[in-house]
Amino acid sequence: MAPGHEGLPVLMLGPLLRYVGETEATLWVETDRPCRVEVLGYSARTFAVAGHHYGLVVVRGLRPGTDYAYEVVLDDTVRWPEKDSAFGPSVLRTLDPSGPQHLVFGSCRRAQLPPPDDHRSDAMAALAYKLAGMPPESRPDAMLLIGDQVYADSPGPSTQRFIEDRRDPSAPPGHDVADFEEYCALYREAWSAPAVRWLLSVMPTIMIFDDHDVHDDWNISAAWRRETRASPWWQSRITGAYMSYWIYQHLGNLAPSELGSDDLWRHVQDQDDAAPALRELALRSDAPDHGVRWSIRRDFGRVRVVVIDSRSHRVVDDDRHRLMVDQAEWEWVTTSSHGDLDHLVLATSLPLLLPRGIHSLEAWNEAVCAGAWGKRFSSTAERLRQAVDLEHWAAFRASFAAFERLLTDIAGGSAGPSPASITVISGDIHHNYLAAVNLPRAARSTTAIYQAVCSPIHNILSGSTRRSLRLVTSLFGAAITAAAARLAGVRAPRVRWKITDGPWFLNMLAELSYDGLEARIRFDRAVADPAGRTRLEPEAEAVLTRATPPDAGAA
């Protein structure tokens, strides 16, 4: 937004509509100076972090299922909506817990890419154009961005220019983001395009990081941690990553009640500069068993969403004892997943259930890295692990088995009524699919279980990588990798799954729809029209559960 009169505050980024419940909402902004931010009659002072200024306004006293067009006022000057916007006013719609619930999700979005995969195929921009033509009551209730909201290890041109103006990119880490200041530039690049900026002003969002929010292969193994942590640039990178993540992503995940009980949030508001407090948080978060919770639990009527942090709580210091999520965090995930629900959504940036060839390859690789074929093969397997990102749940077999037990316990009603559906949603792997799941015969229930993967939002794989994936996931590739896994002593998974829709190597968003006991999913692809404007077109739709649960499992 263009600056106004000299001395008046300017909206640098936002507004982002974050938490929206039945009667409360939070809106986030970044401004160019300290000021008071007002939305719908509620206001808050900005807080400062290393010369940057942010505001989070909690709006209360709203009515469920109601539309509220809003403005953002900075020190008595209206700064949003922008004049002559092509998208219309920003409208906040509160949650109606008694009505149908609609949740959009996806991951992996690079803000700027060279042709042919340029801005016209950005699925988030396409969603903005779609919603601009819809009444607010027809829009989804929330959007789950489940990893790689920014690419710190592959920033776009505007961030690269910012880096070049600050330091010499011929020295490590090159054009990668190096510190908090460069992360701030990266987020502005990611969220400043007019379509995306408007979308984030009307669509409540839940966010969780994945590796590229920090660095490719973040916490993939003990060897990676030793090598990367020894790099002279790493400490400022990881500190800037956690500091900026708390500000730009995590803070808005919190409900007003959680904000009220959050000691760090209260402390940040009391400081002239909150940077020291956030640096201390970053240092704790990068340590083993750090106890900082980034995972999130939200209820949408009788639909529960549990978003799992599958990056920062990893246990990887010993190749013979690896966990995707440490024990304390997994206990929280388990407790949060049980309840009297109609539907459960378990969001993890990394897919639980991969195409079978990839699953077996990753399980084999973990076993060989741990010494199943002797020391001579371990180092080669480690190089392969890092080169082709063998780091999903299949590569953490103890955690994969724990997830199998969690699904079996919930579907079997061991800690309460069984939900009509459980859907594990994920991203990361840059192709999209739906897989139906069968539990072991002794644990069969009426709960329908699915894995839904939606990635990328905007970052299509190269043709050579797609061809390699198709080879590994072919019947031949699956047979070879399964045989290798058996020779490495890997047991077969207890659950069975089959890809029923996809895979698609497209920029996409997916939408889960719930109405009573009925659940559906739709995958939409981004398509550019001749005029250069992008739109969403349906690629596939599937019924997950009907109003009356089936008598058998999903597959």
Foldseek 3Di string as FASTA:
>chain_A
DDDDPPPFKAFLAAQFWADFAAFKTKTKTWIQDWWWKDKPHWIDTWFAAPNTTMDITMGGGHHGQDKDFIFIATRNRTHDDDPPAPQDTAIETHADLQFKAKEWEAEADALADDPPQGPQFQLLLQVLVVCSPPPLSPDHQAYEHEECLFQQLDHDDVLLVVVVVPDQLVDPPRSGDQAQVSLVVRVSSSQVDSSNRSSSSHHHYAYAYDARLQHQCQPQAQVVCVVQVPDPRRLRRLLSSQLVCVRPHQVSLDDPVRCVVDPLNVVSSVDNHSNVVSSVVSVLLQDAPSPDDSWHWDDRNQEIETEAHQHSHWDHNALVATASHDDVSVVVVLVRQDDRGQEYEYEHAFFLDDQLLLLLQLLLLSLVLNQLPHPVCNVVSVVVCRVVVSRGVSNNVVNSQVVLVSVLCQQQQVPHDRHQEYEYEYEDPQWWFKKWKDAAPVSWHLYTYIYTYHDDSRDFDDPVVVVVVCVCSDPVNSVVSNVSSVSSVHDDDRMDMDTDTDTDNANWMKMWMDGANWIKMWIWGWDADPVSHIHTDTDDMDTRADNDGDGTYND
